[in-house]
Amino acid sequence: MLSMTPRTTLNRSKNRGRTDREDLYAVLDAGLICHLGVVVDGSPRVVPTGYGRIGDTLYLHGSTGATSLRDSGDVCVTVTHLDGVVLARSVFNHSLNYRSAMIYGRPRRVEEEGEHLAGLRAITEQLAPGQWNTARLPSRKELAATAVLALSLAEASVKVRQGPPLDDEEDYALPVWAGVLPLHSSWGTPQADPAMPVDLEVPGHIASRTMTLG
């Protein structure tokens, strides 16, 4: 179960909240990008970035020189999947079908070499499963230039909205089309880098990713 804190307790649309930790994992594991909210020199900043999960730890990475990865105290990480636009009979009751997760906490800079590599592998595999064992692994120079942050999933909330529009009772008789316009994402045909010196077949772990995302 997710632990309720003042920051994760829902004040509106409480019926959309999910308290099962598996719901949190499902939202995170289906995503490709998160938004990292930090405060830098007193100003808020939201940075889109890749991530990976190992158990109850979320890993994020970036350049060691990135100001957004400095120790700036607590952060907020969000992941959202948009599943459809909900079209109601009234503009006021329009909505979105979505799945979202929000994680609060103070990340720690990963210093131990084994965890550093494990975090980078989790991030790589989140974006491209199977790629870690296919591409060249990072050199020591590249590892030194890459910061990895570990964020506990102890303080998190999940919201999900699915289903048709909910209109006011008097609006159901209006001659206005209402329903859901679903949104689906899918992978396209892999495009080879023209700089490849030889014609190589697309690896199976890439070619097989033709299923719908999210």
N, C-alpha and C. Protein backbone atom coordinates (compact mmCIF):
# COMPACT_ATOMS: atom_id res chain seq x y z
N MET A 1 0.84 -1.20 0.00
CA MET A 1 0.00 0.00 0.00
C MET A 1 0.87 1.25 0.00
N LEU A 2 0.37 2.31 -0.63
CA LEU A 2 1.07 3.58 -0.61
C LEU A 2 0.80 4.30 0.70
N SER A 3 1.84 4.93 1.24
CA SER A 3 1.70 5.67 2.49
C SER A 3 1.15 7.06 2.20
N MET A 4 0.10 7.44 2.92
CA MET A 4 -0.48 8.76 2.75
C MET A 4 0.27 9.78 3.60
N THR A 5 0.70 10.87 2.97
CA THR A 5 1.36 11.97 3.66
C THR A 5 0.61 13.25 3.30
N PRO A 6 0.89 14.35 3.99
CA PRO A 6 0.23 15.61 3.61
C PRO A 6 0.44 15.98 2.14
N ARG A 7 1.57 15.56 1.57
CA ARG A 7 1.84 15.92 0.18
C ARG A 7 1.19 14.96 -0.82
N THR A 8 0.89 13.75 -0.41
CA THR A 8 0.32 12.79 -1.34
C THR A 8 -1.18 12.56 -1.13
N THR A 9 -1.74 13.14 -0.08
CA THR A 9 -3.17 13.00 0.16
C THR A 9 -3.95 13.84 -0.86
N LEU A 10 -4.88 13.23 -1.56
CA LEU A 10 -5.66 13.92 -2.59
C LEU A 10 -6.74 14.78 -1.94
N ASN A 11 -6.81 16.02 -2.36
CA ASN A 11 -7.84 16.93 -1.86
C ASN A 11 -9.01 17.03 -2.83
N ARG A 12 -8.80 16.74 -4.09
CA ARG A 12 -9.86 16.78 -5.10
C ARG A 12 -9.87 15.46 -5.87
N SER A 13 -11.05 15.10 -6.38
CA SER A 13 -11.20 13.86 -7.16
C SER A 13 -10.57 12.67 -6.44
N LYS A 14 -10.93 12.53 -5.17
CA LYS A 14 -10.35 11.46 -4.37
C LYS A 14 -10.69 10.08 -4.92
N ASN A 15 -11.80 9.98 -5.65
CA ASN A 15 -12.19 8.68 -6.21
C ASN A 15 -11.22 8.20 -7.29
N ARG A 16 -10.37 9.09 -7.79
CA ARG A 16 -9.39 8.71 -8.81
C ARG A 16 -8.09 8.20 -8.19
N GLY A 17 -7.97 8.32 -6.90
CA GLY A 17 -6.74 7.89 -6.24
C GLY A 17 -6.61 6.38 -6.18
N ARG A 18 -5.38 5.91 -6.26
CA ARG A 18 -5.08 4.49 -6.11
C ARG A 18 -4.09 4.34 -4.96
N THR A 19 -4.30 3.35 -4.14
CA THR A 19 -3.44 3.17 -2.96
C THR A 19 -2.60 1.91 -3.02
N ASP A 20 -2.79 1.09 -4.04
CA ASP A 20 -2.01 -0.13 -4.18
C ASP A 20 -0.65 0.20 -4.79
N ARG A 21 0.41 -0.26 -4.18
CA ARG A 21 1.75 0.02 -4.69
C ARG A 21 1.96 -0.56 -6.09
N GLU A 22 1.25 -1.63 -6.42
CA GLU A 22 1.37 -2.20 -7.76
C GLU A 22 0.86 -1.23 -8.82
N ASP A 23 -0.12 -0.39 -8.46
CA ASP A 23 -0.60 0.63 -9.40
C ASP A 23 0.50 1.65 -9.70
N LEU A 24 1.29 1.98 -8.68
CA LEU A 24 2.42 2.89 -8.87
C LEU A 24 3.44 2.26 -9.81
N TYR A 25 3.78 1.00 -9.56
CA TYR A 25 4.75 0.32 -10.42
C TYR A 25 4.26 0.28 -11.86
N ALA A 26 2.96 0.01 -12.05
CA ALA A 26 2.40 -0.11 -13.40
C ALA A 26 2.55 1.19 -14.17
N VAL A 27 2.27 2.32 -13.53
CA VAL A 27 2.38 3.61 -14.19
C VAL A 27 3.85 3.90 -14.55
N LEU A 28 4.75 3.65 -13.61
CA LEU A 28 6.16 3.93 -13.86
C LEU A 28 6.74 3.00 -14.92
N ASP A 29 6.41 1.72 -14.84
CA ASP A 29 7.02 0.76 -15.75
C ASP A 29 6.53 0.93 -17.19
N ALA A 30 5.36 1.54 -17.37
CA ALA A 30 4.82 1.75 -18.72
C ALA A 30 5.34 3.04 -19.35
N GLY A 31 6.06 3.85 -18.60
CA GLY A 31 6.48 5.16 -19.10
C GLY A 31 7.86 5.14 -19.74
N LEU A 32 8.15 6.23 -20.43
CA LEU A 32 9.45 6.41 -21.07
C LEU A 32 10.16 7.67 -20.60
N ILE A 33 9.40 8.62 -20.09
CA ILE A 33 9.98 9.89 -19.68
C ILE A 33 9.25 10.39 -18.44
N CYS A 34 9.98 11.05 -17.58
CA CYS A 34 9.38 11.67 -16.41
C CYS A 34 9.70 13.15 -16.42
N HIS A 35 9.06 13.90 -15.54
CA HIS A 35 9.36 15.32 -15.37
C HIS A 35 9.85 15.53 -13.94
N LEU A 36 11.07 16.01 -13.85
CA LEU A 36 11.74 16.23 -12.56
C LEU A 36 11.58 17.69 -12.17
N GLY A 37 10.86 17.93 -11.09
CA GLY A 37 10.66 19.29 -10.59
C GLY A 37 11.62 19.60 -9.46
N VAL A 38 12.44 20.63 -9.65
CA VAL A 38 13.43 21.02 -8.65
C VAL A 38 13.37 22.53 -8.45
N VAL A 39 14.02 22.99 -7.41
CA VAL A 39 14.18 24.42 -7.17
C VAL A 39 15.66 24.74 -7.31
N VAL A 40 16.00 25.61 -8.26
CA VAL A 40 17.38 25.99 -8.53
C VAL A 40 17.54 27.48 -8.26
N ASP A 41 18.37 27.82 -7.32
CA ASP A 41 18.61 29.22 -6.97
C ASP A 41 17.31 29.96 -6.68
N GLY A 42 16.41 29.28 -6.01
CA GLY A 42 15.16 29.91 -5.60
C GLY A 42 14.05 29.90 -6.63
N SER A 43 14.33 29.37 -7.83
CA SER A 43 13.32 29.35 -8.89
C SER A 43 12.96 27.91 -9.24
N PRO A 44 11.68 27.64 -9.50
CA PRO A 44 11.29 26.28 -9.88
C PRO A 44 11.74 25.95 -11.28
N ARG A 45 12.06 24.68 -11.50
CA ARG A 45 12.48 24.20 -12.81
C ARG A 45 11.96 22.79 -12.99
N VAL A 46 11.38 22.50 -14.15
CA VAL A 46 10.89 21.17 -14.46
C VAL A 46 11.65 20.63 -15.66
N VAL A 47 12.30 19.49 -15.47
CA VAL A 47 13.20 18.94 -16.48
C VAL A 47 12.68 17.58 -16.95
N PRO A 48 12.39 17.42 -18.25
CA PRO A 48 12.04 16.10 -18.76
C PRO A 48 13.28 15.23 -18.85
N THR A 49 13.19 13.99 -18.40
CA THR A 49 14.37 13.13 -18.40
C THR A 49 13.96 11.67 -18.39
N GLY A 50 14.89 10.80 -18.79
CA GLY A 50 14.66 9.37 -18.71
C GLY A 50 14.81 8.89 -17.28
N TYR A 51 14.28 7.72 -17.02
CA TYR A 51 14.34 7.16 -15.66
C TYR A 51 14.27 5.65 -15.74
N GLY A 52 14.55 5.02 -14.62
CA GLY A 52 14.41 3.58 -14.51
C GLY A 52 14.07 3.22 -13.07
N ARG A 53 13.47 2.06 -12.89
CA ARG A 53 13.07 1.64 -11.54
C ARG A 53 13.70 0.30 -11.20
N ILE A 54 14.22 0.22 -9.98
CA ILE A 54 14.66 -1.04 -9.40
C ILE A 54 13.98 -1.15 -8.04
N GLY A 55 13.01 -2.04 -7.93
CA GLY A 55 12.29 -2.17 -6.66
C GLY A 55 11.58 -0.89 -6.30
N ASP A 56 11.86 -0.38 -5.12
CA ASP A 56 11.24 0.85 -4.64
C ASP A 56 12.15 2.06 -4.77
N THR A 57 13.03 2.02 -5.76
CA THR A 57 13.93 3.14 -6.01
C THR A 57 13.82 3.56 -7.47
N LEU A 58 13.69 4.86 -7.68
CA LEU A 58 13.66 5.43 -9.03
C LEU A 58 15.02 6.05 -9.31
N TYR A 59 15.56 5.74 -10.47
CA TYR A 59 16.87 6.28 -10.84
C TYR A 59 16.71 7.29 -11.97
N LEU A 60 17.43 8.43 -11.84
CA LEU A 60 17.44 9.49 -12.83
C LEU A 60 18.89 9.82 -13.15
N HIS A 61 19.14 10.36 -14.33
CA HIS A 61 20.52 10.65 -14.67
C HIS A 61 20.62 11.94 -15.46
N GLY A 62 21.85 12.44 -15.55
CA GLY A 62 22.13 13.65 -16.30
C GLY A 62 23.60 13.99 -16.20
N SER A 63 23.98 15.09 -16.79
CA SER A 63 25.37 15.52 -16.73
C SER A 63 25.74 15.92 -15.31
N THR A 64 26.97 15.63 -14.92
CA THR A 64 27.44 16.03 -13.59
C THR A 64 27.44 17.54 -13.43
N GLY A 65 27.44 18.26 -14.55
CA GLY A 65 27.43 19.72 -14.48
C GLY A 65 26.04 20.33 -14.49
N ALA A 66 25.00 19.51 -14.57
CA ALA A 66 23.63 20.03 -14.65
C ALA A 66 23.21 20.63 -13.32
N THR A 67 22.77 21.88 -13.35
CA THR A 67 22.33 22.53 -12.11
C THR A 67 21.09 21.88 -11.54
N SER A 68 20.27 21.26 -12.40
CA SER A 68 19.05 20.62 -11.91
C SER A 68 19.33 19.38 -11.09
N LEU A 69 20.57 18.85 -11.18
CA LEU A 69 20.92 17.66 -10.42
C LEU A 69 21.75 17.98 -9.19
N ARG A 70 21.91 19.27 -8.90
CA ARG A 70 22.59 19.64 -7.68
C ARG A 70 21.71 19.32 -6.49
N ASP A 71 22.30 19.30 -5.31
CA ASP A 71 21.53 19.05 -4.09
C ASP A 71 20.65 20.26 -3.80
N SER A 72 19.41 20.20 -4.27
CA SER A 72 18.51 21.35 -4.11
C SER A 72 17.36 21.02 -3.17
N GLY A 73 17.55 20.00 -2.33
CA GLY A 73 16.50 19.64 -1.39
C GLY A 73 15.49 18.69 -2.01
N ASP A 74 14.26 18.77 -1.56
CA ASP A 74 13.22 17.87 -2.04
C ASP A 74 12.89 18.15 -3.51
N VAL A 75 12.49 17.09 -4.19
CA VAL A 75 12.09 17.19 -5.60
C VAL A 75 10.71 16.56 -5.75
N CYS A 76 10.13 16.76 -6.92
CA CYS A 76 8.87 16.12 -7.27
C CYS A 76 9.02 15.55 -8.67
N VAL A 77 8.77 14.25 -8.82
CA VAL A 77 8.87 13.58 -10.11
C VAL A 77 7.48 13.12 -10.52
N THR A 78 7.10 13.39 -11.77
CA THR A 78 5.79 12.97 -12.26
C THR A 78 5.94 12.16 -13.54
N VAL A 79 5.04 11.19 -13.70
CA VAL A 79 4.92 10.41 -14.93
C VAL A 79 3.44 10.37 -15.27
N THR A 80 3.09 10.70 -16.51
CA THR A 80 1.69 10.75 -16.93
C THR A 80 1.50 10.05 -18.26
N HIS A 81 0.43 9.26 -18.35
CA HIS A 81 0.01 8.64 -19.61
C HIS A 81 -1.36 9.21 -19.97
N LEU A 82 -1.46 9.79 -21.15
CA LEU A 82 -2.75 10.29 -21.63
C LEU A 82 -3.41 9.22 -22.47
N ASP A 83 -4.59 8.75 -22.05
CA ASP A 83 -5.27 7.65 -22.73
C ASP A 83 -6.44 8.11 -23.60
N GLY A 84 -6.90 9.34 -23.42
CA GLY A 84 -8.00 9.80 -24.25
C GLY A 84 -8.55 11.13 -23.79
N VAL A 85 -9.25 11.81 -24.70
CA VAL A 85 -9.93 13.06 -24.39
C VAL A 85 -11.40 12.72 -24.15
N VAL A 86 -11.93 13.17 -23.02
CA VAL A 86 -13.31 12.89 -22.65
C VAL A 86 -14.16 14.09 -23.05
N LEU A 87 -15.06 13.87 -24.00
CA LEU A 87 -15.89 14.94 -24.55
C LEU A 87 -17.29 14.85 -23.94
N ALA A 88 -17.64 15.86 -23.19
CA ALA A 88 -18.93 15.88 -22.51
C ALA A 88 -19.93 16.74 -23.28
N ARG A 89 -21.13 16.80 -22.78
CA ARG A 89 -22.17 17.63 -23.39
C ARG A 89 -21.98 19.09 -23.02
N SER A 90 -21.32 19.33 -21.93
CA SER A 90 -21.00 20.71 -21.52
C SER A 90 -19.49 20.87 -21.47
N VAL A 91 -19.01 22.06 -21.79
CA VAL A 91 -17.58 22.31 -21.77
C VAL A 91 -17.01 22.11 -20.36
N PHE A 92 -17.79 22.46 -19.36
CA PHE A 92 -17.32 22.36 -17.98
C PHE A 92 -16.96 20.93 -17.60
N ASN A 93 -17.66 19.95 -18.17
CA ASN A 93 -17.46 18.56 -17.78
C ASN A 93 -16.52 17.79 -18.71
N HIS A 94 -15.87 18.48 -19.63
CA HIS A 94 -14.83 17.82 -20.42
C HIS A 94 -13.70 17.37 -19.49
N SER A 95 -13.01 16.30 -19.87
CA SER A 95 -11.96 15.78 -19.01
C SER A 95 -10.95 15.01 -19.84
N LEU A 96 -10.07 14.29 -19.17
CA LEU A 96 -9.07 13.44 -19.81
C LEU A 96 -9.08 12.08 -19.11
N ASN A 97 -8.89 11.03 -19.88
CA ASN A 97 -8.60 9.74 -19.30
C ASN A 97 -7.08 9.61 -19.21
N TYR A 98 -6.58 9.27 -18.04
CA TYR A 98 -5.14 9.29 -17.83
C TYR A 98 -4.75 8.36 -16.68
N ARG A 99 -3.45 8.10 -16.61
CA ARG A 99 -2.83 7.42 -15.47
C ARG A 99 -1.62 8.26 -15.08
N SER A 100 -1.48 8.58 -13.82
CA SER A 100 -0.37 9.45 -13.42
C SER A 100 0.18 9.04 -12.06
N ALA A 101 1.45 9.33 -11.88
CA ALA A 101 2.12 9.07 -10.61
C ALA A 101 2.93 10.30 -10.23
N MET A 102 2.97 10.59 -8.94
CA MET A 102 3.74 11.71 -8.43
C MET A 102 4.56 11.23 -7.25
N ILE A 103 5.88 11.48 -7.29
CA ILE A 103 6.77 11.03 -6.23
C ILE A 103 7.47 12.23 -5.62
N TYR A 104 7.46 12.29 -4.30
CA TYR A 104 8.16 13.33 -3.57
C TYR A 104 9.34 12.71 -2.81
N GLY A 105 10.36 13.51 -2.59
CA GLY A 105 11.47 13.04 -1.77
C GLY A 105 12.74 13.81 -2.03
N ARG A 106 13.76 13.46 -1.29
CA ARG A 106 15.08 14.08 -1.47
C ARG A 106 16.01 13.03 -2.06
N PRO A 107 16.37 13.16 -3.32
CA PRO A 107 17.22 12.13 -3.95
C PRO A 107 18.64 12.17 -3.39
N ARG A 108 19.28 11.04 -3.49
CA ARG A 108 20.69 10.96 -3.10
C ARG A 108 21.55 10.72 -4.34
N ARG A 109 22.70 11.30 -4.33
CA ARG A 109 23.64 11.11 -5.44
C ARG A 109 24.27 9.72 -5.30
N VAL A 110 24.21 8.92 -6.33
CA VAL A 110 24.76 7.57 -6.29
C VAL A 110 26.26 7.64 -6.52
N GLU A 111 27.03 7.13 -5.56
CA GLU A 111 28.48 7.18 -5.64
C GLU A 111 29.09 5.79 -5.84
N GLU A 112 28.45 4.76 -5.29
CA GLU A 112 29.00 3.41 -5.37
C GLU A 112 28.94 2.92 -6.82
N GLU A 113 30.04 2.38 -7.32
CA GLU A 113 30.16 2.04 -8.74
C GLU A 113 29.13 1.01 -9.18
N GLY A 114 28.90 -0.01 -8.37
CA GLY A 114 27.94 -1.03 -8.75
C GLY A 114 26.54 -0.49 -8.89
N GLU A 115 26.11 0.34 -7.95
CA GLU A 115 24.78 0.93 -8.03
C GLU A 115 24.70 1.95 -9.16
N HIS A 116 25.79 2.65 -9.39
CA HIS A 116 25.84 3.62 -10.48
C HIS A 116 25.56 2.93 -11.82
N LEU A 117 26.22 1.81 -12.05
CA LEU A 117 26.01 1.05 -13.27
C LEU A 117 24.60 0.45 -13.32
N ALA A 118 24.13 -0.05 -12.18
CA ALA A 118 22.80 -0.64 -12.13
C ALA A 118 21.73 0.40 -12.44
N GLY A 119 21.92 1.62 -11.94
CA GLY A 119 20.98 2.69 -12.21
C GLY A 119 20.96 3.06 -13.68
N LEU A 120 22.14 3.15 -14.29
CA LEU A 120 22.21 3.47 -15.72
C LEU A 120 21.61 2.34 -16.57
N ARG A 121 21.82 1.12 -16.12
CA ARG A 121 21.22 0.00 -16.86
C ARG A 121 19.69 0.07 -16.77
N ALA A 122 19.17 0.36 -15.59
CA ALA A 122 17.71 0.45 -15.43
C ALA A 122 17.13 1.54 -16.32
N ILE A 123 17.82 2.67 -16.42
CA ILE A 123 17.35 3.78 -17.26
C ILE A 123 17.39 3.38 -18.73
N THR A 124 18.48 2.74 -19.15
CA THR A 124 18.61 2.30 -20.54
C THR A 124 17.55 1.27 -20.90
N GLU A 125 17.34 0.30 -20.01
CA GLU A 125 16.37 -0.76 -20.28
C GLU A 125 14.93 -0.26 -20.24
N GLN A 126 14.70 0.82 -19.49
CA GLN A 126 13.36 1.41 -19.49
C GLN A 126 13.02 1.96 -20.87
N LEU A 127 13.99 2.58 -21.52
CA LEU A 127 13.78 3.17 -22.83
C LEU A 127 13.87 2.13 -23.95
N ALA A 128 14.80 1.19 -23.81
CA ALA A 128 15.05 0.23 -24.89
C ALA A 128 15.45 -1.11 -24.29
N PRO A 129 14.47 -1.93 -23.89
CA PRO A 129 14.79 -3.24 -23.29
C PRO A 129 15.70 -4.07 -24.20
N GLY A 130 16.78 -4.57 -23.64
CA GLY A 130 17.73 -5.38 -24.40
C GLY A 130 18.92 -4.61 -24.92
N GLN A 131 18.88 -3.28 -24.85
CA GLN A 131 19.94 -2.47 -25.45
C GLN A 131 21.22 -2.48 -24.62
N TRP A 132 21.10 -2.64 -23.30
CA TRP A 132 22.28 -2.60 -22.43
C TRP A 132 23.27 -3.70 -22.82
N ASN A 133 22.76 -4.86 -23.22
CA ASN A 133 23.63 -5.98 -23.57
C ASN A 133 24.00 -5.98 -25.05
N THR A 134 23.59 -4.94 -25.78
CA THR A 134 23.89 -4.87 -27.22
C THR A 134 24.90 -3.77 -27.53
N ALA A 135 24.71 -2.60 -26.97
CA ALA A 135 25.57 -1.46 -27.28
C ALA A 135 26.84 -1.48 -26.40
N ARG A 136 27.81 -0.66 -26.78
CA ARG A 136 29.02 -0.52 -25.96
C ARG A 136 28.66 0.08 -24.62
N LEU A 137 29.21 -0.48 -23.56
CA LEU A 137 28.95 0.05 -22.23
C LEU A 137 29.77 1.31 -21.99
N PRO A 138 29.33 2.17 -21.05
CA PRO A 138 30.04 3.45 -20.82
C PRO A 138 31.47 3.25 -20.33
N SER A 139 32.34 4.13 -20.81
CA SER A 139 33.73 4.12 -20.36
C SER A 139 33.83 4.79 -19.00
N ARG A 140 34.97 4.71 -18.37
CA ARG A 140 35.15 5.36 -17.07
C ARG A 140 35.00 6.87 -17.19
N LYS A 141 35.47 7.43 -18.29
CA LYS A 141 35.33 8.87 -18.51
C LYS A 141 33.86 9.25 -18.64
N GLU A 142 33.10 8.42 -19.37
CA GLU A 142 31.68 8.69 -19.54
C GLU A 142 30.93 8.53 -18.23
N LEU A 143 31.32 7.52 -17.44
CA LEU A 143 30.68 7.33 -16.13
C LEU A 143 30.95 8.51 -15.22
N ALA A 144 32.16 9.04 -15.28
CA ALA A 144 32.51 10.18 -14.43
C ALA A 144 31.74 11.43 -14.82
N ALA A 145 31.31 11.51 -16.07
CA ALA A 145 30.58 12.69 -16.54
C ALA A 145 29.07 12.55 -16.36
N THR A 146 28.63 11.40 -15.87
CA THR A 146 27.20 11.13 -15.74
C THR A 146 26.80 10.98 -14.29
N ALA A 147 25.91 11.86 -13.86
CA ALA A 147 25.40 11.78 -12.49
C ALA A 147 24.16 10.90 -12.47
N VAL A 148 24.04 10.10 -11.42
CA VAL A 148 22.86 9.27 -11.22
C VAL A 148 22.27 9.60 -9.86
N LEU A 149 20.97 9.86 -9.84
CA LEU A 149 20.26 10.13 -8.60
C LEU A 149 19.33 8.97 -8.29
N ALA A 150 19.23 8.65 -7.01
CA ALA A 150 18.33 7.60 -6.54
C ALA A 150 17.25 8.25 -5.69
N LEU A 151 15.99 8.00 -6.04
CA LEU A 151 14.86 8.59 -5.32
C LEU A 151 13.97 7.49 -4.79
N SER A 152 13.75 7.47 -3.50
CA SER A 152 12.87 6.47 -2.89
C SER A 152 11.43 6.68 -3.34
N LEU A 153 10.70 5.57 -3.50
CA LEU A 153 9.29 5.62 -3.85
C LEU A 153 8.40 5.57 -2.61
N ALA A 154 8.98 5.91 -1.47
CA ALA A 154 8.21 5.82 -0.22
C ALA A 154 7.06 6.79 -0.17
N GLU A 155 7.23 7.98 -0.77
CA GLU A 155 6.19 9.01 -0.72
C GLU A 155 5.68 9.27 -2.14
N ALA A 156 4.58 8.64 -2.48
CA ALA A 156 4.07 8.72 -3.85
C ALA A 156 2.56 8.65 -3.87
N SER A 157 1.98 9.19 -4.92
CA SER A 157 0.53 9.10 -5.12
C SER A 157 0.26 8.71 -6.56
N VAL A 158 -0.90 8.08 -6.79
CA VAL A 158 -1.31 7.63 -8.11
C VAL A 158 -2.74 8.06 -8.34
N LYS A 159 -3.00 8.62 -9.53
CA LYS A 159 -4.37 8.97 -9.92
C LYS A 159 -4.67 8.37 -11.28
N VAL A 160 -5.88 7.88 -11.44
CA VAL A 160 -6.32 7.27 -12.69
C VAL A 160 -7.73 7.73 -12.98
N ARG A 161 -7.97 8.15 -14.23
CA ARG A 161 -9.32 8.49 -14.66
C ARG A 161 -9.61 7.70 -15.93
N GLN A 162 -10.66 6.89 -15.93
CA GLN A 162 -11.06 6.11 -17.08
C GLN A 162 -12.58 6.21 -17.23
N GLY A 163 -13.08 5.92 -18.42
CA GLY A 163 -14.52 5.85 -18.61
C GLY A 163 -15.11 7.04 -19.33
N PRO A 164 -16.43 7.03 -19.49
CA PRO A 164 -17.14 8.05 -20.26
C PRO A 164 -17.28 9.36 -19.49
N PRO A 165 -17.81 10.41 -20.14
CA PRO A 165 -18.01 11.69 -19.45
C PRO A 165 -19.09 11.57 -18.38
N LEU A 166 -18.99 12.46 -17.41
CA LEU A 166 -19.99 12.56 -16.36
C LEU A 166 -20.62 13.95 -16.46
N ASP A 167 -21.82 14.00 -17.03
CA ASP A 167 -22.49 15.28 -17.24
C ASP A 167 -23.50 15.55 -16.13
N ASP A 168 -23.92 16.81 -16.05
CA ASP A 168 -25.02 17.15 -15.15
C ASP A 168 -26.29 16.50 -15.67
N GLU A 169 -27.15 16.10 -14.77
CA GLU A 169 -28.34 15.34 -15.14
C GLU A 169 -29.16 16.06 -16.21
N GLU A 170 -29.30 17.36 -16.11
CA GLU A 170 -30.13 18.09 -17.07
C GLU A 170 -29.49 18.19 -18.45
N ASP A 171 -28.18 17.90 -18.54
CA ASP A 171 -27.50 18.02 -19.83
C ASP A 171 -27.58 16.74 -20.67
N TYR A 172 -27.98 15.63 -20.08
CA TYR A 172 -28.02 14.37 -20.84
C TYR A 172 -29.02 14.41 -21.99
N ALA A 173 -29.98 15.28 -21.93
CA ALA A 173 -30.98 15.38 -23.00
C ALA A 173 -30.53 16.28 -24.14
N LEU A 174 -29.39 16.96 -24.00
CA LEU A 174 -28.91 17.86 -25.06
C LEU A 174 -28.50 17.07 -26.30
N PRO A 175 -28.77 17.59 -27.49
CA PRO A 175 -28.39 16.90 -28.73
C PRO A 175 -26.91 17.17 -29.07
N VAL A 176 -26.04 16.81 -28.16
CA VAL A 176 -24.60 17.03 -28.32
C VAL A 176 -23.89 15.68 -28.20
N TRP A 177 -23.02 15.38 -29.18
CA TRP A 177 -22.29 14.11 -29.12
C TRP A 177 -21.37 14.12 -27.91
N ALA A 178 -21.34 13.02 -27.18
CA ALA A 178 -20.48 12.89 -26.01
C ALA A 178 -19.83 11.52 -26.03
N GLY A 179 -18.63 11.44 -25.53
CA GLY A 179 -17.93 10.15 -25.50
C GLY A 179 -16.45 10.36 -25.27
N VAL A 180 -15.67 9.38 -25.65
CA VAL A 180 -14.23 9.40 -25.44
C VAL A 180 -13.51 9.26 -26.78
N LEU A 181 -12.52 10.11 -27.01
CA LEU A 181 -11.64 9.99 -28.16
C LEU A 181 -10.34 9.35 -27.67
N PRO A 182 -10.17 8.04 -27.86
CA PRO A 182 -8.98 7.36 -27.32
C PRO A 182 -7.70 7.83 -28.00
N LEU A 183 -6.63 7.77 -27.25
CA LEU A 183 -5.31 8.11 -27.77
C LEU A 183 -4.40 6.91 -27.60
N HIS A 184 -3.79 6.46 -28.72
CA HIS A 184 -2.87 5.33 -28.68
C HIS A 184 -1.53 5.75 -29.27
N SER A 185 -0.45 5.30 -28.65
CA SER A 185 0.89 5.53 -29.18
C SER A 185 1.46 4.20 -29.63
N SER A 186 2.23 4.22 -30.72
CA SER A 186 2.83 2.99 -31.22
C SER A 186 4.19 3.30 -31.83
N TRP A 187 5.01 2.28 -31.90
CA TRP A 187 6.33 2.44 -32.50
C TRP A 187 6.24 2.38 -34.01
N GLY A 188 7.07 3.16 -34.69
CA GLY A 188 7.14 3.11 -36.14
C GLY A 188 8.22 2.15 -36.60
N THR A 189 8.47 2.14 -37.89
CA THR A 189 9.51 1.28 -38.47
C THR A 189 10.88 1.82 -38.11
N PRO A 190 11.77 0.99 -37.56
CA PRO A 190 13.12 1.46 -37.22
C PRO A 190 13.84 2.06 -38.42
N GLN A 191 14.51 3.17 -38.21
CA GLN A 191 15.23 3.87 -39.27
C GLN A 191 16.73 3.77 -39.00
N ALA A 192 17.44 3.12 -39.88
CA ALA A 192 18.87 2.88 -39.69
C ALA A 192 19.67 4.17 -39.80
N ASP A 193 20.71 4.27 -39.00
CA ASP A 193 21.63 5.39 -39.09
C ASP A 193 22.39 5.29 -40.41
N PRO A 194 22.32 6.34 -41.26
CA PRO A 194 23.02 6.27 -42.55
C PRO A 194 24.53 6.20 -42.39
N ALA A 195 25.05 6.46 -41.20
CA ALA A 195 26.50 6.43 -40.99
C ALA A 195 27.02 5.01 -40.73
N MET A 196 26.12 4.02 -40.63
CA MET A 196 26.59 2.65 -40.42
C MET A 196 27.40 2.20 -41.63
N PRO A 197 28.61 1.67 -41.42
CA PRO A 197 29.47 1.28 -42.55
C PRO A 197 28.97 0.05 -43.30
N VAL A 198 28.18 -0.78 -42.64
CA VAL A 198 27.65 -1.98 -43.29
C VAL A 198 26.15 -2.05 -43.03
N ASP A 199 25.49 -2.84 -43.84
CA ASP A 199 24.05 -3.01 -43.69
C ASP A 199 23.78 -4.07 -42.63
N LEU A 200 23.37 -3.63 -41.45
CA LEU A 200 23.11 -4.54 -40.34
C LEU A 200 21.61 -4.73 -40.16
N GLU A 201 21.24 -5.94 -39.79
CA GLU A 201 19.84 -6.20 -39.51
C GLU A 201 19.42 -5.52 -38.21
N VAL A 202 18.17 -5.13 -38.17
CA VAL A 202 17.63 -4.54 -36.94
C VAL A 202 17.59 -5.62 -35.87
N PRO A 203 18.18 -5.38 -34.70
CA PRO A 203 18.17 -6.39 -33.64
C PRO A 203 16.75 -6.78 -33.25
N GLY A 204 16.58 -8.02 -32.83
CA GLY A 204 15.27 -8.52 -32.50
C GLY A 204 14.58 -7.75 -31.39
N HIS A 205 15.37 -7.29 -30.39
CA HIS A 205 14.74 -6.59 -29.26
C HIS A 205 14.20 -5.22 -29.68
N ILE A 206 14.67 -4.70 -30.82
CA ILE A 206 14.16 -3.45 -31.35
C ILE A 206 13.02 -3.72 -32.34
N ALA A 207 13.23 -4.67 -33.23
CA ALA A 207 12.22 -4.98 -34.25
C ALA A 207 10.92 -5.47 -33.65
N SER A 208 11.01 -6.10 -32.48
CA SER A 208 9.81 -6.67 -31.88
C SER A 208 8.94 -5.65 -31.14
N ARG A 209 9.42 -4.45 -31.03
CA ARG A 209 8.65 -3.44 -30.27
C ARG A 209 7.62 -2.76 -31.16
N THR A 210 6.66 -3.53 -31.59
CA THR A 210 5.60 -3.00 -32.45
C THR A 210 4.28 -2.93 -31.72
N MET A 211 4.29 -3.27 -30.43
CA MET A 211 3.04 -3.23 -29.67
C MET A 211 2.70 -1.79 -29.28
N THR A 212 1.46 -1.57 -28.93
CA THR A 212 1.02 -0.24 -28.52
C THR A 212 1.66 0.13 -27.21
N LEU A 213 2.10 1.38 -27.08
CA LEU A 213 2.68 1.87 -25.84
C LEU A 213 1.59 2.13 -24.81
N GLY A 214 2.03 2.20 -23.56
CA GLY A 214 1.16 2.64 -22.48
C GLY A 214 0.06 1.70 -22.15
